[in-house]
Amino acid sequence: MQYVNLYAGPEFLMHFKYSAMLNIVYVTMMYGIALPILFLYAILGLLVLFISEKLLFFYTYRLPPSYDASLAKHVIGQMRFAPMIMMVFGYWFLSSNQLLENKIFMIQRASDTPLTGHTYGDFVYADGWGAPQWPLALMSIFMIIQAFFGGMIMKCLIQCFPSLEVGNEELDEDIDTYWNVLDDGDRKWSQSECTNFRGYANMNLEKFGMKQKSKDFKLLEEEEFQALMDSKSTGRTL
């Protein structure tokens, strides 16, 4: 085992890969409005990460454990906050006097607090809803409401309009059973396979002096086996 562990390669740590993706996405969304080149860097970073991890996965890493979908669903759930952060920070950047208009507010002494003319109070005044920042402010409000109160709003809408609820619908596809929709060749092959398996199992048991019924060795349960043997073509094949 020491020899195997020495040459088996490193383990495939999925959580580190997801952390790198989240870091790239959140940093890009947070500062991308002020630094648009970050979007290009994010695409290149994700592309390099995808190619390198794909190659390492096939040629270097050990066989990874069987991950379920819970980790992926959690990461997707965390990703949904990235657009909201982009809208909030984008509004703050686009409403800044220094960033777009290059306004400088003079100070009298070096110890004085530098003034920017850009405060949270601008949000409630007309200057804070000018172009080009007002669409981002509107989308920020909408996304924040949806993120924190979306579930409650949806429940109220379902109470008023029950047809909006998406549940487990029973599908009626108007098709016959599996055995009946097989073509003649596949049906005969399946019937012969199940029948011969029981016969061969019985023969092999007799060679070893074992008296056991062949039905104990079967590919299908009795009910399903009988349905296969009684099946007939309905003209609608797979």
C-alpha atoms as a PDB file:
ATOM      1  CA  MET A   1       0.000   0.000   0.000  1.00  0.00           C
ATOM      2  CA  GLN A   2       2.912   2.346   0.602  1.00  0.00           C
ATOM      3  CA  TYR A   3       4.049   1.749  -2.983  1.00  0.00           C
ATOM      4  CA  VAL A   4       0.529   2.348  -4.297  1.00  0.00           C
ATOM      5  CA  ASN A   5       0.121   5.537  -2.255  1.00  0.00           C
ATOM      6  CA  LEU A   6       3.486   6.788  -3.487  1.00  0.00           C
ATOM      7  CA  TYR A   7       2.530   6.604  -7.179  1.00  0.00           C
ATOM      8  CA  ALA A   8      -1.239   6.926  -7.004  1.00  0.00           C
ATOM      9  CA  GLY A   9      -1.226  10.715  -7.328  1.00  0.00           C
ATOM     10  CA  PRO A  10      -2.916  13.359  -5.182  1.00  0.00           C
ATOM     11  CA  GLU A  11      -6.528  13.190  -4.100  1.00  0.00           C
ATOM     12  CA  PHE A  12      -9.205  15.059  -6.025  1.00  0.00           C
ATOM     13  CA  LEU A  13     -10.476  17.638  -3.529  1.00  0.00           C
ATOM     14  CA  MET A  14     -13.705  18.932  -4.983  1.00  0.00           C
ATOM     15  CA  HIS A  15     -14.284  21.633  -2.377  1.00  0.00           C
ATOM     16  CA  PHE A  16     -11.065  23.432  -3.341  1.00  0.00           C
ATOM     17  CA  LYS A  17     -12.190  23.590  -6.974  1.00  0.00           C
ATOM     18  CA  TYR A  18     -15.553  25.034  -6.037  1.00  0.00           C
ATOM     19  CA  SER A  19     -13.848  27.548  -3.740  1.00  0.00           C
ATOM     20  CA  ALA A  20     -11.658  28.756  -6.619  1.00  0.00           C
ATOM     21  CA  MET A  21     -14.715  29.158  -8.858  1.00  0.00           C
ATOM     22  CA  LEU A  22     -16.628  31.090  -6.205  1.00  0.00           C
ATOM     23  CA  ASN A  23     -13.639  33.340  -5.576  1.00  0.00           C
ATOM     24  CA  ILE A  24     -13.286  34.199  -9.274  1.00  0.00           C
ATOM     25  CA  VAL A  25     -17.011  34.814  -9.758  1.00  0.00           C
ATOM     26  CA  TYR A  26     -17.526  36.941  -6.640  1.00  0.00           C
ATOM     27  CA  VAL A  27     -14.440  39.111  -7.116  1.00  0.00           C
ATOM     28  CA  THR A  28     -15.372  39.713 -10.757  1.00  0.00           C
ATOM     29  CA  MET A  29     -18.979  40.560  -9.945  1.00  0.00           C
ATOM     30  CA  MET A  30     -17.993  42.844  -7.073  1.00  0.00           C
ATOM     31  CA  TYR A  31     -15.469  44.985  -8.958  1.00  0.00           C
ATOM     32  CA  GLY A  32     -16.311  44.253 -12.595  1.00  0.00           C
ATOM     33  CA  ILE A  33     -18.358  47.430 -13.153  1.00  0.00           C
ATOM     34  CA  ALA A  34     -15.408  49.597 -12.141  1.00  0.00           C
ATOM     35  CA  LEU A  35     -12.822  47.341 -13.831  1.00  0.00           C
ATOM     36  CA  PRO A  36     -14.523  45.735 -16.872  1.00  0.00           C
ATOM     37  CA  ILE A  37     -11.346  43.891 -17.844  1.00  0.00           C
ATOM     38  CA  LEU A  38     -12.032  41.604 -14.868  1.00  0.00           C
ATOM     39  CA  PHE A  39     -14.746  39.879 -16.905  1.00  0.00           C
ATOM     40  CA  LEU A  40     -12.178  38.890 -19.528  1.00  0.00           C
ATOM     41  CA  TYR A  41      -9.790  37.694 -16.838  1.00  0.00           C
ATOM     42  CA  ALA A  42     -12.595  35.705 -15.217  1.00  0.00           C
ATOM     43  CA  ILE A  43     -13.370  33.917 -18.500  1.00  0.00           C
ATOM     44  CA  LEU A  44      -9.702  33.094 -19.017  1.00  0.00           C
ATOM     45  CA  GLY A  45      -9.318  31.981 -15.392  1.00  0.00           C
ATOM     46  CA  LEU A  46     -12.310  29.660 -15.530  1.00  0.00           C
ATOM     47  CA  LEU A  47     -11.167  28.287 -18.895  1.00  0.00           C
ATOM     48  CA  VAL A  48      -7.671  27.540 -17.594  1.00  0.00           C
ATOM     49  CA  LEU A  49      -9.155  25.994 -14.456  1.00  0.00           C
ATOM     50  CA  PHE A  50     -11.465  23.788 -16.517  1.00  0.00           C
ATOM     51  CA  ILE A  51      -8.769  22.563 -18.921  1.00  0.00           C
ATOM     52  CA  SER A  52      -6.126  21.967 -16.258  1.00  0.00           C
ATOM     53  CA  GLU A  53      -8.490  20.177 -13.895  1.00  0.00           C
ATOM     54  CA  LYS A  54      -9.860  18.050 -16.732  1.00  0.00           C
ATOM     55  CA  LEU A  55      -6.368  16.908 -17.707  1.00  0.00           C
ATOM     56  CA  LEU A  56      -5.297  16.337 -14.115  1.00  0.00           C
ATOM     57  CA  PHE A  57      -8.503  14.441 -13.424  1.00  0.00           C
ATOM     58  CA  PHE A  58      -7.774  11.902 -16.183  1.00  0.00           C
ATOM     59  CA  TYR A  59      -3.989  11.621 -15.884  1.00  0.00           C
ATOM     60  CA  THR A  60      -2.894  12.583 -12.364  1.00  0.00           C
ATOM     61  CA  TYR A  61      -5.545  12.461  -9.659  1.00  0.00           C
ATOM     62  CA  ARG A  62      -6.651   9.323  -7.927  1.00  0.00           C
ATOM     63  CA  LEU A  63     -10.101   7.953  -8.537  1.00  0.00           C
ATOM     64  CA  PRO A  64     -12.330  10.428  -6.682  1.00  0.00           C
ATOM     65  CA  PRO A  65     -15.041   9.344  -4.278  1.00  0.00           C
ATOM     66  CA  SER A  66     -18.643   9.240  -5.423  1.00  0.00           C
ATOM     67  CA  TYR A  67     -19.900  12.746  -4.764  1.00  0.00           C
ATOM     68  CA  ASP A  68     -23.625  13.334  -4.626  1.00  0.00           C
ATOM     69  CA  ALA A  69     -25.412  16.430  -5.892  1.00  0.00           C
ATOM     70  CA  SER A  70     -25.614  18.202  -2.513  1.00  0.00           C
ATOM     71  CA  LEU A  71     -22.282  20.047  -2.867  1.00  0.00           C
ATOM     72  CA  ALA A  72     -23.060  21.209  -6.411  1.00  0.00           C
ATOM     73  CA  LYS A  73     -26.513  22.417  -5.373  1.00  0.00           C
ATOM     74  CA  HIS A  74     -25.014  24.318  -2.440  1.00  0.00           C
ATOM     75  CA  VAL A  75     -22.498  26.063  -4.717  1.00  0.00           C
ATOM     76  CA  ILE A  76     -25.230  27.003  -7.192  1.00  0.00           C
ATOM     77  CA  GLY A  77     -27.232  28.392  -4.282  1.00  0.00           C
ATOM     78  CA  GLN A  78     -24.262  30.539  -3.266  1.00  0.00           C
ATOM     79  CA  MET A  79     -23.786  31.756  -6.837  1.00  0.00           C
ATOM     80  CA  ARG A  80     -27.200  33.401  -6.922  1.00  0.00           C
ATOM     81  CA  PHE A  81     -25.981  36.214  -4.654  1.00  0.00           C
ATOM     82  CA  ALA A  82     -23.204  37.231  -7.074  1.00  0.00           C
ATOM     83  CA  PRO A  83     -25.466  39.193  -9.501  1.00  0.00           C
ATOM     84  CA  MET A  84     -27.043  41.016  -6.554  1.00  0.00           C
ATOM     85  CA  ILE A  85     -23.577  42.064  -5.336  1.00  0.00           C
ATOM     86  CA  MET A  86     -22.687  43.236  -8.845  1.00  0.00           C
ATOM     87  CA  MET A  87     -25.782  45.464  -8.984  1.00  0.00           C
ATOM     88  CA  VAL A  88     -25.190  46.984  -5.527  1.00  0.00           C
ATOM     89  CA  PHE A  89     -21.490  47.673  -6.036  1.00  0.00           C
ATOM     90  CA  GLY A  90     -22.080  48.725  -9.638  1.00  0.00           C
ATOM     91  CA  TYR A  91     -24.566  51.340  -8.499  1.00  0.00           C
ATOM     92  CA  TRP A  92     -22.053  52.621  -5.942  1.00  0.00           C
ATOM     93  CA  PHE A  93     -19.288  52.853  -8.547  1.00  0.00           C
ATOM     94  CA  LEU A  94     -21.397  54.532 -11.243  1.00  0.00           C
ATOM     95  CA  SER A  95     -22.800  57.093  -8.819  1.00  0.00           C
ATOM     96  CA  SER A  96     -19.315  58.102  -7.666  1.00  0.00           C
ATOM     97  CA  ASN A  97     -18.239  61.624  -8.592  1.00  0.00           C
ATOM     98  CA  GLN A  98     -14.562  60.719  -8.636  1.00  0.00           C
ATOM     99  CA  LEU A  99     -14.929  57.682 -10.885  1.00  0.00           C
ATOM    100  CA  LEU A 100     -16.912  59.246 -13.735  1.00  0.00           C
ATOM    101  CA  GLU A 101     -16.680  63.024 -13.382  1.00  0.00           C
ATOM    102  CA  ASN A 102     -13.264  63.282 -11.682  1.00  0.00           C
ATOM    103  CA  LYS A 103     -14.553  65.817  -9.144  1.00  0.00           C
ATOM    104  CA  ILE A 104     -12.034  66.752  -6.472  1.00  0.00           C
ATOM    105  CA  PHE A 105     -13.078  68.359  -3.181  1.00  0.00           C
ATOM    106  CA  MET A 106     -10.319  70.467  -1.681  1.00  0.00           C
ATOM    107  CA  ILE A 107      -9.383  70.236   2.001  1.00  0.00           C
ATOM    108  CA  GLN A 108      -7.768  72.932   4.120  1.00  0.00           C
ATOM    109  CA  ARG A 109      -5.463  70.754   6.230  1.00  0.00           C
ATOM    110  CA  ALA A 110      -3.787  67.410   5.728  1.00  0.00           C
ATOM    111  CA  SER A 111      -5.500  66.123   8.852  1.00  0.00           C
ATOM    112  CA  ASP A 112      -8.964  66.923   7.487  1.00  0.00           C
ATOM    113  CA  THR A 113     -11.186  64.072   6.331  1.00  0.00           C
ATOM    114  CA  PRO A 114     -11.220  63.930   2.502  1.00  0.00           C
ATOM    115  CA  LEU A 115     -14.652  64.717   1.085  1.00  0.00           C
ATOM    116  CA  THR A 116     -16.006  62.720  -1.812  1.00  0.00           C
ATOM    117  CA  GLY A 117     -19.489  64.144  -2.267  1.00  0.00           C
ATOM    118  CA  HIS A 118     -20.659  60.546  -2.418  1.00  0.00           C
ATOM    119  CA  THR A 119     -22.690  59.269   0.528  1.00  0.00           C
ATOM    120  CA  TYR A 120     -25.395  56.713   1.217  1.00  0.00           C
ATOM    121  CA  GLY A 121     -27.916  59.531   1.409  1.00  0.00           C
ATOM    122  CA  ASP A 122     -27.631  60.108  -2.348  1.00  0.00           C
ATOM    123  CA  PHE A 123     -29.826  57.052  -2.808  1.00  0.00           C
ATOM    124  CA  VAL A 124     -32.930  58.947  -1.665  1.00  0.00           C
ATOM    125  CA  TYR A 125     -32.257  62.077  -3.721  1.00  0.00           C
ATOM    126  CA  ALA A 126     -32.681  62.753  -7.412  1.00  0.00           C
ATOM    127  CA  ASP A 127     -28.916  62.814  -8.030  1.00  0.00           C
ATOM    128  CA  GLY A 128     -28.691  59.205  -6.928  1.00  0.00           C
ATOM    129  CA  TRP A 129     -31.206  58.139  -9.579  1.00  0.00           C
ATOM    130  CA  GLY A 130     -29.587  59.732 -12.580  1.00  0.00           C
ATOM    131  CA  ALA A 131     -28.048  57.974 -15.543  1.00  0.00           C
ATOM    132  CA  PRO A 132     -26.302  55.575 -15.847  1.00  0.00           C
ATOM    133  CA  GLN A 133     -26.741  54.232 -12.308  1.00  0.00           C
ATOM    134  CA  TRP A 134     -30.518  54.152 -11.906  1.00  0.00           C
ATOM    135  CA  PRO A 135     -31.060  50.769 -13.698  1.00  0.00           C
ATOM    136  CA  LEU A 136     -28.602  49.149 -11.311  1.00  0.00           C
ATOM    137  CA  ALA A 137     -30.350  50.710  -8.317  1.00  0.00           C
ATOM    138  CA  LEU A 138     -33.694  49.381  -9.526  1.00  0.00           C
ATOM    139  CA  MET A 139     -32.303  45.886 -10.114  1.00  0.00           C
ATOM    140  CA  SER A 140     -30.588  45.955  -6.705  1.00  0.00           C
ATOM    141  CA  ILE A 141     -33.895  46.611  -4.961  1.00  0.00           C
ATOM    142  CA  PHE A 142     -35.629  43.887  -6.954  1.00  0.00           C
ATOM    143  CA  MET A 143     -32.896  41.288  -6.309  1.00  0.00           C
ATOM    144  CA  ILE A 144     -32.694  42.036  -2.579  1.00  0.00           C
ATOM    145  CA  ILE A 145     -36.454  41.666  -2.212  1.00  0.00           C
ATOM    146  CA  GLN A 146     -36.412  38.444  -4.209  1.00  0.00           C
ATOM    147  CA  ALA A 147     -33.481  36.977  -2.247  1.00  0.00           C
ATOM    148  CA  PHE A 148     -34.888  37.621   1.230  1.00  0.00           C
ATOM    149  CA  PHE A 149     -38.642  37.692   0.674  1.00  0.00           C
ATOM    150  CA  GLY A 150     -39.072  35.696  -2.514  1.00  0.00           C
ATOM    151  CA  GLY A 151     -40.348  32.611  -0.717  1.00  0.00           C
ATOM    152  CA  MET A 152     -42.979  34.540   1.203  1.00  0.00           C
ATOM    153  CA  ILE A 153     -44.105  36.405  -1.928  1.00  0.00           C
ATOM    154  CA  MET A 154     -44.398  33.148  -3.855  1.00  0.00           C
ATOM    155  CA  LYS A 155     -46.519  31.563  -1.122  1.00  0.00           C
ATOM    156  CA  CYS A 156     -48.885  34.555  -1.195  1.00  0.00           C
ATOM    157  CA  LEU A 157     -49.149  34.326  -4.978  1.00  0.00           C
ATOM    158  CA  ILE A 158     -49.910  30.600  -4.775  1.00  0.00           C
ATOM    159  CA  GLN A 159     -52.669  31.321  -2.274  1.00  0.00           C
ATOM    160  CA  CYS A 160     -54.228  33.760  -4.739  1.00  0.00           C
ATOM    161  CA  PHE A 161     -53.421  31.757  -7.888  1.00  0.00           C
ATOM    162  CA  PRO A 162     -53.156  28.013  -7.071  1.00  0.00           C
ATOM    163  CA  SER A 163     -52.276  27.169 -10.665  1.00  0.00           C
ATOM    164  CA  LEU A 164     -48.821  28.734 -10.127  1.00  0.00           C
ATOM    165  CA  GLU A 165     -47.747  25.895  -7.830  1.00  0.00           C
ATOM    166  CA  VAL A 166     -45.476  23.346  -9.465  1.00  0.00           C
ATOM    167  CA  GLY A 167     -45.911  19.925  -7.901  1.00  0.00           C
ATOM    168  CA  ASN A 168     -45.385  16.287  -8.724  1.00  0.00           C
ATOM    169  CA  GLU A 169     -47.578  15.826 -11.768  1.00  0.00           C
ATOM    170  CA  GLU A 170     -48.633  12.367 -12.853  1.00  0.00           C
ATOM    171  CA  LEU A 171     -47.673  11.864 -16.484  1.00  0.00           C
ATOM    172  CA  ASP A 172     -50.086  10.054 -18.768  1.00  0.00           C
ATOM    173  CA  GLU A 173     -48.085   9.398 -21.905  1.00  0.00           C
ATOM    174  CA  ASP A 174     -50.603   6.921 -23.341  1.00  0.00           C
ATOM    175  CA  ILE A 175     -48.037   4.177 -23.948  1.00  0.00           C
ATOM    176  CA  ASP A 176     -48.188   0.458 -23.347  1.00  0.00           C
ATOM    177  CA  THR A 177     -45.982  -1.644 -21.087  1.00  0.00           C
ATOM    178  CA  TYR A 178     -42.307  -2.113 -21.842  1.00  0.00           C
ATOM    179  CA  TRP A 179     -42.619  -5.701 -23.033  1.00  0.00           C
ATOM    180  CA  ASN A 180     -45.519  -4.906 -25.379  1.00  0.00           C
ATOM    181  CA  VAL A 181     -43.708  -2.085 -27.155  1.00  0.00           C
ATOM    182  CA  LEU A 182     -40.649  -4.205 -27.952  1.00  0.00           C
ATOM    183  CA  ASP A 183     -40.283  -5.402 -31.512  1.00  0.00           C
ATOM    184  CA  ASP A 184     -40.549  -9.116 -32.208  1.00  0.00           C
ATOM    185  CA  GLY A 185     -36.793  -9.694 -32.291  1.00  0.00           C
ATOM    186  CA  ASP A 186     -36.091  -8.050 -28.923  1.00  0.00           C
ATOM    187  CA  ARG A 187     -39.088  -9.717 -27.288  1.00  0.00           C
ATOM    188  CA  LYS A 188     -38.094 -13.213 -28.450  1.00  0.00           C
ATOM    189  CA  TRP A 189     -34.510 -12.594 -27.392  1.00  0.00           C
ATOM    190  CA  SER A 190     -35.633 -11.539 -23.881  1.00  0.00           C
ATOM    191  CA  GLN A 191     -37.965 -14.510 -23.565  1.00  0.00           C
ATOM    192  CA  SER A 192     -35.243 -16.947 -24.633  1.00  0.00           C
ATOM    193  CA  GLU A 193     -32.686 -15.365 -22.318  1.00  0.00           C
ATOM    194  CA  CYS A 194     -34.872 -15.677 -19.223  1.00  0.00           C
ATOM    195  CA  THR A 195     -36.028 -19.205 -20.090  1.00  0.00           C
ATOM    196  CA  ASN A 196     -32.557 -20.537 -20.922  1.00  0.00           C
ATOM    197  CA  PHE A 197     -31.051 -18.985 -17.817  1.00  0.00           C
ATOM    198  CA  ARG A 198     -33.432 -20.986 -15.647  1.00  0.00           C
ATOM    199  CA  GLY A 199     -32.728 -24.144 -17.609  1.00  0.00           C
ATOM    200  CA  TYR A 200     -28.946 -23.809 -17.504  1.00  0.00           C
ATOM    201  CA  ALA A 201     -29.007 -22.965 -13.812  1.00  0.00           C
ATOM    202  CA  ASN A 202     -30.998 -26.135 -13.140  1.00  0.00           C
ATOM    203  CA  MET A 203     -28.597 -28.252 -15.219  1.00  0.00           C
ATOM    204  CA  ASN A 204     -25.527 -26.927 -13.435  1.00  0.00           C
ATOM    205  CA  LEU A 205     -27.111 -27.562 -10.058  1.00  0.00           C
ATOM    206  CA  GLU A 206     -27.806 -31.185 -10.960  1.00  0.00           C
ATOM    207  CA  LYS A 207     -24.162 -31.707 -11.943  1.00  0.00           C
ATOM    208  CA  PHE A 208     -23.104 -30.829  -8.423  1.00  0.00           C
ATOM    209  CA  GLY A 209     -25.802 -32.920  -6.842  1.00  0.00           C
ATOM    210  CA  MET A 210     -27.794 -29.949  -5.633  1.00  0.00           C
ATOM    211  CA  LYS A 211     -31.542 -30.354  -5.657  1.00  0.00           C
ATOM    212  CA  GLN A 212     -32.918 -26.864  -5.896  1.00  0.00           C
ATOM    213  CA  LYS A 213     -35.687 -25.498  -8.048  1.00  0.00           C
ATOM    214  CA  SER A 214     -34.568 -23.493 -11.041  1.00  0.00           C
ATOM    215  CA  LYS A 215     -37.039 -20.749 -10.248  1.00  0.00           C
ATOM    216  CA  ASP A 216     -34.783 -19.763  -7.361  1.00  0.00           C
ATOM    217  CA  PHE A 217     -32.252 -18.601  -9.996  1.00  0.00           C
ATOM    218  CA  LYS A 218     -33.921 -16.099 -12.238  1.00  0.00           C
ATOM    219  CA  LEU A 219     -33.372 -12.866 -14.057  1.00  0.00           C
ATOM    220  CA  LEU A 220     -36.932 -11.665 -13.441  1.00  0.00           C
ATOM    221  CA  GLU A 221     -39.463 -12.149 -10.705  1.00  0.00           C
ATOM    222  CA  GLU A 222     -42.323 -14.539 -11.440  1.00  0.00           C
ATOM    223  CA  GLU A 223     -44.873 -11.805 -12.089  1.00  0.00           C
ATOM    224  CA  GLU A 224     -42.566  -9.935 -14.455  1.00  0.00           C
ATOM    225  CA  PHE A 225     -41.463 -13.157 -16.158  1.00  0.00           C
ATOM    226  CA  GLN A 226     -45.070 -14.124 -16.805  1.00  0.00           C
ATOM    227  CA  ALA A 227     -45.784 -10.647 -18.184  1.00  0.00           C
ATOM    228  CA  LEU A 228     -42.852 -11.071 -20.576  1.00  0.00           C
ATOM    229  CA  MET A 229     -44.030 -14.459 -21.778  1.00  0.00           C
ATOM    230  CA  ASP A 230     -47.623 -13.225 -22.298  1.00  0.00           C
ATOM    231  CA  SER A 231     -46.638  -9.956 -23.996  1.00  0.00           C
ATOM    232  CA  LYS A 232     -47.748  -9.245 -27.555  1.00  0.00           C
ATOM    233  CA  SER A 233     -46.799  -6.559 -30.016  1.00  0.00           C
ATOM    234  CA  THR A 234     -49.104  -3.533 -30.060  1.00  0.00           C
ATOM    235  CA  GLY A 235     -47.684  -2.045 -33.236  1.00  0.00           C
ATOM    236  CA  ARG A 236     -45.957   0.790 -31.347  1.00  0.00           C
ATOM    237  CA  THR A 237     -42.351  -0.253 -30.831  1.00  0.00           C
ATOM    238  CA  LEU A 238     -39.460   1.511 -29.146  1.00  0.00           C
END
